[in-house]
Full PDB file with SEQRES, HELIX, SHEET, SSBOND, CRYST1, ORIGX, SCALE, CONECT and MASTER records, all heavy atoms in Angstrom:
SEQRES   1 A   31  LYS SER LYS THR GLN ALA ALA TRP ASP ASP VAL PHE ALA          
SEQRES   2 A   31  GLY SER ASP ALA CYS TYR ALA PRO VAL LEU SER MET ASP          
SEQRES   3 A   31  GLU ALA ALA ARG HIS                                          
HELIX    1 AA1 GLN A    5  PHE A   12  1                                   8    
HELIX    2 AA2 MET A   25  ARG A   30  1                                   6    
CRYST1    1.000    1.000    1.000  90.00  90.00  90.00 P 1           1          
ORIGX1      1.000000  0.000000  0.000000        0.00000                         
ORIGX2      0.000000  1.000000  0.000000        0.00000                         
ORIGX3      0.000000  0.000000  1.000000        0.00000                         
SCALE1      1.000000  0.000000  0.000000        0.00000                         
SCALE2      0.000000  1.000000  0.000000        0.00000                         
SCALE3      0.000000  0.000000  1.000000        0.00000                         
ATOM      1  N   LYS A   1     110.896  83.780 100.657  1.00  0.00           N  
ATOM      2  CA  LYS A   1     109.787  82.877 100.388  1.00  0.00           C  
ATOM      3  C   LYS A   1     108.555  83.222 101.233  1.00  0.00           C  
ATOM      4  O   LYS A   1     107.449  82.737 100.977  1.00  0.00           O  
ATOM      5  CB  LYS A   1     110.232  81.437 100.680  1.00  0.00           C  
ATOM      6  CG  LYS A   1     109.292  80.363 100.206  1.00  0.00           C  
ATOM      7  CD  LYS A   1     109.295  80.222  98.698  1.00  0.00           C  
ATOM      8  CE  LYS A   1     108.493  78.980  98.285  1.00  0.00           C  
ATOM      9  NZ  LYS A   1     108.359  78.869  96.833  1.00  0.00           N  
ATOM     10  N   SER A   2     108.726  84.110 102.201  1.00  0.00           N  
ATOM     11  CA  SER A   2     107.628  84.409 103.125  1.00  0.00           C  
ATOM     12  C   SER A   2     106.668  85.472 102.607  1.00  0.00           C  
ATOM     13  O   SER A   2     105.594  85.671 103.180  1.00  0.00           O  
ATOM     14  CB  SER A   2     108.195  84.870 104.477  1.00  0.00           C  
ATOM     15  OG  SER A   2     108.821  86.151 104.356  1.00  0.00           O  
ATOM     16  N   LYS A   3     107.017  86.198 101.537  1.00  0.00           N  
ATOM     17  CA  LYS A   3     106.155  87.244 101.000  1.00  0.00           C  
ATOM     18  C   LYS A   3     106.069  87.121  99.486  1.00  0.00           C  
ATOM     19  O   LYS A   3     106.941  86.529  98.838  1.00  0.00           O  
ATOM     20  CB  LYS A   3     106.692  88.641 101.346  1.00  0.00           C  
ATOM     21  CG  LYS A   3     106.772  88.976 102.822  1.00  0.00           C  
ATOM     22  CD  LYS A   3     107.329  90.387 103.012  1.00  0.00           C  
ATOM     23  CE  LYS A   3     107.587  90.693 104.486  1.00  0.00           C  
ATOM     24  NZ  LYS A   3     106.334  90.751 105.257  1.00  0.00           N  
ATOM     25  N   THR A   4     105.027  87.711  98.935  1.00  0.00           N  
ATOM     26  CA  THR A   4     104.891  87.741  97.480  1.00  0.00           C  
ATOM     27  C   THR A   4     105.857  88.757  96.881  1.00  0.00           C  
ATOM     28  O   THR A   4     106.388  89.634  97.590  1.00  0.00           O  
ATOM     29  CB  THR A   4     103.466  88.137  97.074  1.00  0.00           C  
ATOM     30  OG1 THR A   4     103.217  89.482  97.501  1.00  0.00           O  
ATOM     31  CG2 THR A   4     102.441  87.187  97.678  1.00  0.00           C  
ATOM     32  N   GLN A   5     106.049  88.671  95.577  1.00  0.00           N  
ATOM     33  CA  GLN A   5     106.924  89.636  94.906  1.00  0.00           C  
ATOM     34  C   GLN A   5     106.407  91.062  95.097  1.00  0.00           C  
ATOM     35  O   GLN A   5     107.185  91.984  95.367  1.00  0.00           O  
ATOM     36  CB  GLN A   5     107.011  89.304  93.410  1.00  0.00           C  
ATOM     37  CG  GLN A   5     107.985  90.170  92.630  1.00  0.00           C  
ATOM     38  CD  GLN A   5     107.850  89.991  91.139  1.00  0.00           C  
ATOM     39  OE1 GLN A   5     106.890  90.457  90.528  1.00  0.00           O  
ATOM     40  NE2 GLN A   5     108.811  89.281  90.541  1.00  0.00           N  
ATOM     41  N   ALA A   6     105.097  91.259  94.955  1.00  0.00           N  
ATOM     42  CA  ALA A   6     104.527  92.594  95.119  1.00  0.00           C  
ATOM     43  C   ALA A   6     104.759  93.122  96.534  1.00  0.00           C  
ATOM     44  O   ALA A   6     105.025  94.319  96.729  1.00  0.00           O  
ATOM     45  CB  ALA A   6     103.036  92.573  94.801  1.00  0.00           C  
ATOM     46  N   ALA A   7     104.660  92.236  97.516  1.00  0.00           N  
ATOM     47  CA  ALA A   7     104.903  92.664  98.896  1.00  0.00           C  
ATOM     48  C   ALA A   7     106.345  93.089  99.086  1.00  0.00           C  
ATOM     49  O   ALA A   7     106.632  94.081  99.778  1.00  0.00           O  
ATOM     50  CB  ALA A   7     104.541  91.535  99.852  1.00  0.00           C  
ATOM     51  N   TRP A   8     107.276  92.367  98.475  1.00  0.00           N  
ATOM     52  CA  TRP A   8     108.687  92.751  98.577  1.00  0.00           C  
ATOM     53  C   TRP A   8     108.949  94.074  97.851  1.00  0.00           C  
ATOM     54  O   TRP A   8     109.792  94.870  98.265  1.00  0.00           O  
ATOM     55  CB  TRP A   8     109.586  91.645  98.030  1.00  0.00           C  
ATOM     56  CG  TRP A   8     109.717  90.487  98.966  1.00  0.00           C  
ATOM     57  CD1 TRP A   8     109.356  89.192  98.746  1.00  0.00           C  
ATOM     58  CD2 TRP A   8     110.252  90.518 100.305  1.00  0.00           C  
ATOM     59  NE1 TRP A   8     109.615  88.410  99.850  1.00  0.00           N  
ATOM     60  CE2 TRP A   8     110.168  89.204 100.826  1.00  0.00           C  
ATOM     61  CE3 TRP A   8     110.781  91.525 101.109  1.00  0.00           C  
ATOM     62  CZ2 TRP A   8     110.603  88.869 102.102  1.00  0.00           C  
ATOM     63  CZ3 TRP A   8     111.206  91.207 102.392  1.00  0.00           C  
ATOM     64  CH2 TRP A   8     111.113  89.898 102.880  1.00  0.00           C  
ATOM     65  N   ASP A   9     108.214  94.318  96.760  1.00  0.00           N  
ATOM     66  CA  ASP A   9     108.333  95.625  96.099  1.00  0.00           C  
ATOM     67  C   ASP A   9     108.041  96.746  97.090  1.00  0.00           C  
ATOM     68  O   ASP A   9     108.743  97.766  97.120  1.00  0.00           O  
ATOM     69  CB  ASP A   9     107.351  95.718  94.927  1.00  0.00           C  
ATOM     70  CG  ASP A   9     107.759  94.878  93.731  1.00  0.00           C  
ATOM     71  OD1 ASP A   9     108.896  94.373  93.710  1.00  0.00           O  
ATOM     72  OD2 ASP A   9     106.935  94.734  92.815  1.00  0.00           O  
ATOM     73  N   ASP A  10     107.014  96.546  97.896  1.00  0.00           N  
ATOM     74  CA  ASP A  10     106.654  97.561  98.890  1.00  0.00           C  
ATOM     75  C   ASP A  10     107.723  97.675  99.985  1.00  0.00           C  
ATOM     76  O   ASP A  10     108.075  98.778 100.406  1.00  0.00           O  
ATOM     77  CB  ASP A  10     105.310  97.207  99.526  1.00  0.00           C  
ATOM     78  CG  ASP A  10     104.141  97.321  98.545  1.00  0.00           C  
ATOM     79  OD1 ASP A  10     104.285  98.049  97.544  1.00  0.00           O  
ATOM     80  OD2 ASP A  10     103.107  96.664  98.772  1.00  0.00           O  
ATOM     81  N   VAL A  11     108.240  96.529 100.419  1.00  0.00           N  
ATOM     82  CA  VAL A  11     109.255  96.536 101.475  1.00  0.00           C  
ATOM     83  C   VAL A  11     110.503  97.306 101.039  1.00  0.00           C  
ATOM     84  O   VAL A  11     111.078  98.088 101.805  1.00  0.00           O  
ATOM     85  CB  VAL A  11     109.627  95.098 101.878  1.00  0.00           C  
ATOM     86  CG1 VAL A  11     110.872  95.086 102.775  1.00  0.00           C  
ATOM     87  CG2 VAL A  11     108.459  94.409 102.583  1.00  0.00           C  
ATOM     88  N   PHE A  12     110.914  97.103  99.794  1.00  0.00           N  
ATOM     89  CA  PHE A  12     112.166  97.696  99.325  1.00  0.00           C  
ATOM     90  C   PHE A  12     111.981  99.050  98.640  1.00  0.00           C  
ATOM     91  O   PHE A  12     112.972  99.649  98.199  1.00  0.00           O  
ATOM     92  CB  PHE A  12     112.864  96.732  98.371  1.00  0.00           C  
ATOM     93  CG  PHE A  12     113.572  95.591  99.059  1.00  0.00           C  
ATOM     94  CD1 PHE A  12     112.935  94.372  99.222  1.00  0.00           C  
ATOM     95  CD2 PHE A  12     114.844  95.751  99.568  1.00  0.00           C  
ATOM     96  CE1 PHE A  12     113.569  93.318  99.868  1.00  0.00           C  
ATOM     97  CE2 PHE A  12     115.494  94.717 100.211  1.00  0.00           C  
ATOM     98  CZ  PHE A  12     114.850  93.489 100.368  1.00  0.00           C  
ATOM     99  N   ALA A  13     110.766  99.521  98.549  1.00  0.00           N  
ATOM    100  CA  ALA A  13     110.524 100.812  97.889  1.00  0.00           C  
ATOM    101  C   ALA A  13     111.339 101.916  98.553  1.00  0.00           C  
ATOM    102  O   ALA A  13     111.332 102.073  99.777  1.00  0.00           O  
ATOM    103  CB  ALA A  13     109.037 101.149  97.948  1.00  0.00           C  
ATOM    104  N   GLY A  14     112.074 102.675  97.749  1.00  0.00           N  
ATOM    105  CA  GLY A  14     112.865 103.792  98.255  1.00  0.00           C  
ATOM    106  C   GLY A  14     114.170 103.420  98.917  1.00  0.00           C  
ATOM    107  O   GLY A  14     114.865 104.284  99.446  1.00  0.00           O  
ATOM    108  N   SER A  15     114.542 102.129  98.869  1.00  0.00           N  
ATOM    109  CA  SER A  15     115.779 101.698  99.530  1.00  0.00           C  
ATOM    110  C   SER A  15     116.951 101.686  98.566  1.00  0.00           C  
ATOM    111  O   SER A  15     116.771 101.744  97.348  1.00  0.00           O  
ATOM    112  CB  SER A  15     115.603 100.298 100.132  1.00  0.00           C  
ATOM    113  OG  SER A  15     115.749  99.311  99.125  1.00  0.00           O  
ATOM    114  N   ASP A  16     118.146 101.588  99.118  1.00  0.00           N  
ATOM    115  CA  ASP A  16     119.366 101.425  98.321  1.00  0.00           C  
ATOM    116  C   ASP A  16     119.893  99.999  98.450  1.00  0.00           C  
ATOM    117  O   ASP A  16     121.105  99.772  98.421  1.00  0.00           O  
ATOM    118  CB  ASP A  16     120.439 102.417  98.779  1.00  0.00           C  
ATOM    119  CG  ASP A  16     120.342 103.738  98.043  1.00  0.00           C  
ATOM    120  OD1 ASP A  16     119.666 103.794  96.997  1.00  0.00           O  
ATOM    121  OD2 ASP A  16     120.937 104.724  98.513  1.00  0.00           O  
ATOM    122  N   ALA A  17     118.995  99.044  98.572  1.00  0.00           N  
ATOM    123  CA  ALA A  17     119.402  97.653  98.771  1.00  0.00           C  
ATOM    124  C   ALA A  17     119.687  96.932  97.464  1.00  0.00           C  
ATOM    125  O   ALA A  17     119.987  95.742  97.475  1.00  0.00           O  
ATOM    126  CB  ALA A  17     118.322  96.903  99.546  1.00  0.00           C  
ATOM    127  N   CYS A  18     119.632  97.663  96.343  1.00  0.00           N  
ATOM    128  CA  CYS A  18     119.883  97.055  95.023  1.00  0.00           C  
ATOM    129  C   CYS A  18     118.931  95.876  94.791  1.00  0.00           C  
ATOM    130  O   CYS A  18     119.353  94.747  94.546  1.00  0.00           O  
ATOM    131  CB  CYS A  18     121.335  96.632  94.886  1.00  0.00           C  
ATOM    132  SG  CYS A  18     122.509  97.984  95.092  1.00  0.00           S  
ATOM    133  N   TYR A  19     117.667  96.184  94.858  1.00  0.00           N  
ATOM    134  CA  TYR A  19     116.593  95.206  94.707  1.00  0.00           C  
ATOM    135  C   TYR A  19     115.813  95.492  93.426  1.00  0.00           C  
ATOM    136  O   TYR A  19     115.622  96.651  93.044  1.00  0.00           O  
ATOM    137  CB  TYR A  19     115.644  95.292  95.903  1.00  0.00           C  
ATOM    138  CG  TYR A  19     114.282  94.664  95.654  1.00  0.00           C  
ATOM    139  CD1 TYR A  19     114.037  93.341  95.993  1.00  0.00           C  
ATOM    140  CD2 TYR A  19     113.246  95.398  95.072  1.00  0.00           C  
ATOM    141  CE1 TYR A  19     112.788  92.760  95.756  1.00  0.00           C  
ATOM    142  CE2 TYR A  19     111.999  94.832  94.835  1.00  0.00           C  
ATOM    143  CZ  TYR A  19     111.775  93.510  95.171  1.00  0.00           C  
ATOM    144  OH  TYR A  19     110.550  92.933  94.935  1.00  0.00           O  
ATOM    145  N   ALA A  20     115.341  94.431  92.781  1.00  0.00           N  
ATOM    146  CA  ALA A  20     114.416  94.587  91.658  1.00  0.00           C  
ATOM    147  C   ALA A  20     113.589  93.312  91.523  1.00  0.00           C  
ATOM    148  O   ALA A  20     114.101  92.206  91.739  1.00  0.00           O  
ATOM    149  CB  ALA A  20     115.152  94.861  90.355  1.00  0.00           C  
ATOM    150  N   PRO A  21     112.339  93.449  91.155  1.00  0.00           N  
ATOM    151  CA  PRO A  21     111.551  92.257  90.841  1.00  0.00           C  
ATOM    152  C   PRO A  21     112.007  91.683  89.504  1.00  0.00           C  
ATOM    153  O   PRO A  21     112.400  92.439  88.603  1.00  0.00           O  
ATOM    154  CB  PRO A  21     110.123  92.804  90.750  1.00  0.00           C  
ATOM    155  CG  PRO A  21     110.300  94.227  90.317  1.00  0.00           C  
ATOM    156  CD  PRO A  21     111.563  94.694  90.979  1.00  0.00           C  
ATOM    157  N   VAL A  22     112.000  90.377  89.376  1.00  0.00           N  
ATOM    158  CA  VAL A  22     112.328  89.734  88.104  1.00  0.00           C  
ATOM    159  C   VAL A  22     111.047  89.714  87.276  1.00  0.00           C  
ATOM    160  O   VAL A  22     110.102  88.989  87.605  1.00  0.00           O  
ATOM    161  CB  VAL A  22     112.870  88.313  88.315  1.00  0.00           C  
ATOM    162  CG1 VAL A  22     113.141  87.649  86.967  1.00  0.00           C  
ATOM    163  CG2 VAL A  22     114.156  88.352  89.146  1.00  0.00           C  
ATOM    164  N   LEU A  23     111.006  90.513  86.223  1.00  0.00           N  
ATOM    165  CA  LEU A  23     109.791  90.708  85.445  1.00  0.00           C  
ATOM    166  C   LEU A  23     109.828  89.929  84.129  1.00  0.00           C  
ATOM    167  O   LEU A  23     110.891  89.746  83.530  1.00  0.00           O  
ATOM    168  CB  LEU A  23     109.605  92.194  85.131  1.00  0.00           C  
ATOM    169  CG  LEU A  23     109.543  93.148  86.330  1.00  0.00           C  
ATOM    170  CD1 LEU A  23     109.404  94.583  85.839  1.00  0.00           C  
ATOM    171  CD2 LEU A  23     108.413  92.777  87.274  1.00  0.00           C  
ATOM    172  N   SER A  24     108.668  89.512  83.695  1.00  0.00           N  
ATOM    173  CA  SER A  24     108.536  88.935  82.366  1.00  0.00           C  
ATOM    174  C   SER A  24     108.610  90.061  81.341  1.00  0.00           C  
ATOM    175  O   SER A  24     108.584  91.251  81.689  1.00  0.00           O  
ATOM    176  CB  SER A  24     107.200  88.206  82.230  1.00  0.00           C  
ATOM    177  OG  SER A  24     106.129  89.141  82.230  1.00  0.00           O  
ATOM    178  N   MET A  25     108.671  89.717  80.057  1.00  0.00           N  
ATOM    179  CA  MET A  25     108.716  90.742  79.023  1.00  0.00           C  
ATOM    180  C   MET A  25     107.460  91.613  79.063  1.00  0.00           C  
ATOM    181  O   MET A  25     107.531  92.835  78.923  1.00  0.00           O  
ATOM    182  CB  MET A  25     108.902  90.107  77.651  1.00  0.00           C  
ATOM    183  CG  MET A  25     110.303  89.550  77.428  1.00  0.00           C  
ATOM    184  SD  MET A  25     110.600  88.982  75.734  1.00  0.00           S  
ATOM    185  CE  MET A  25     109.766  87.388  75.770  1.00  0.00           C  
ATOM    186  N   ASP A  26     106.302  90.999  79.268  1.00  0.00           N  
ATOM    187  CA  ASP A  26     105.059  91.771  79.334  1.00  0.00           C  
ATOM    188  C   ASP A  26     105.037  92.651  80.576  1.00  0.00           C  
ATOM    189  O   ASP A  26     104.609  93.805  80.517  1.00  0.00           O  
ATOM    190  CB  ASP A  26     103.854  90.834  79.344  1.00  0.00           C  
ATOM    191  CG  ASP A  26     103.618  90.171  77.991  1.00  0.00           C  
ATOM    192  OD1 ASP A  26     104.125  90.701  76.983  1.00  0.00           O  
ATOM    193  OD2 ASP A  26     102.934  89.136  77.947  1.00  0.00           O  
ATOM    194  N   GLU A  27     105.481  92.113  81.702  1.00  0.00           N  
ATOM    195  CA  GLU A  27     105.497  92.891  82.940  1.00  0.00           C  
ATOM    196  C   GLU A  27     106.462  94.070  82.843  1.00  0.00           C  
ATOM    197  O   GLU A  27     106.187  95.157  83.372  1.00  0.00           O  
ATOM    198  CB  GLU A  27     105.884  91.994  84.114  1.00  0.00           C  
ATOM    199  CG  GLU A  27     104.817  90.974  84.492  1.00  0.00           C  
ATOM    200  CD  GLU A  27     105.317  89.949  85.492  1.00  0.00           C  
ATOM    201  OE1 GLU A  27     106.552  89.720  85.571  1.00  0.00           O  
ATOM    202  OE2 GLU A  27     104.477  89.355  86.191  1.00  0.00           O  
ATOM    203  N   ALA A  28     107.587  93.872  82.183  1.00  0.00           N  
ATOM    204  CA  ALA A  28     108.576  94.955  82.053  1.00  0.00           C  
ATOM    205  C   ALA A  28     107.977  96.152  81.333  1.00  0.00           C  
ATOM    206  O   ALA A  28     108.258  97.311  81.679  1.00  0.00           O  
ATOM    207  CB  ALA A  28     109.810  94.449  81.313  1.00  0.00           C  
ATOM    208  N   ALA A  29     107.155  95.897  80.327  1.00  0.00           N  
ATOM    209  CA  ALA A  29     106.547  96.994  79.574  1.00  0.00           C  
ATOM    210  C   ALA A  29     105.570  97.801  80.408  1.00  0.00           C  
ATOM    211  O   ALA A  29     105.287  98.960  80.089  1.00  0.00           O  
ATOM    212  CB  ALA A  29     105.842  96.440  78.336  1.00  0.00           C  
ATOM    213  N   ARG A  30     105.058  97.204  81.500  1.00  0.00           N  
ATOM    214  CA  ARG A  30     104.068  97.888  82.337  1.00  0.00           C  
ATOM    215  C   ARG A  30     104.659  98.486  83.610  1.00  0.00           C  
ATOM    216  O   ARG A  30     103.962  99.171  84.353  1.00  0.00           O  
ATOM    217  CB  ARG A  30     102.948  96.910  82.721  1.00  0.00           C  
ATOM    218  CG  ARG A  30     102.183  96.333  81.544  1.00  0.00           C  
ATOM    219  CD  ARG A  30     100.929  95.623  82.013  1.00  0.00           C  
ATOM    220  NE  ARG A  30     101.235  94.484  82.886  1.00  0.00           N  
ATOM    221  CZ  ARG A  30     101.367  93.235  82.458  1.00  0.00           C  
ATOM    222  NH1 ARG A  30     101.252  92.961  81.158  1.00  0.00           N  
ATOM    223  NH2 ARG A  30     101.618  92.252  83.306  1.00  0.00           N  
ATOM    224  N   HIS A  31     105.935  98.234  83.878  1.00  0.00           N  
ATOM    225  CA  HIS A  31     106.506  98.730  85.126  1.00  0.00           C  
ATOM    226  C   HIS A  31     106.527 100.263  85.126  1.00  0.00           C  
ATOM    227  O   HIS A  31     106.882 100.885  84.115  1.00  0.00           O  
ATOM    228  CB  HIS A  31     107.927  98.195  85.307  1.00  0.00           C  
ATOM    229  CG  HIS A  31     108.494  98.466  86.662  1.00  0.00           C  
ATOM    230  ND1 HIS A  31     109.104  99.662  86.984  1.00  0.00           N  
ATOM    231  CD2 HIS A  31     108.528  97.714  87.789  1.00  0.00           C  
ATOM    232  CE1 HIS A  31     109.495  99.635  88.243  1.00  0.00           C  
ATOM    233  NE2 HIS A  31     109.155  98.468  88.759  1.00  0.00           N  
TER     234      HIS A  31                                                      
MASTER        0    0    0    2    0    0    0    6  233    1    0    3          
END                                                                             
């Protein structure tokens, strides 16, 4: 709850922590 979803994307980038943002249908098409 302390960071935005985009910030967590940066934190977990390149990790093996089995992380993913929960995307809407429109967001999924742009990932």
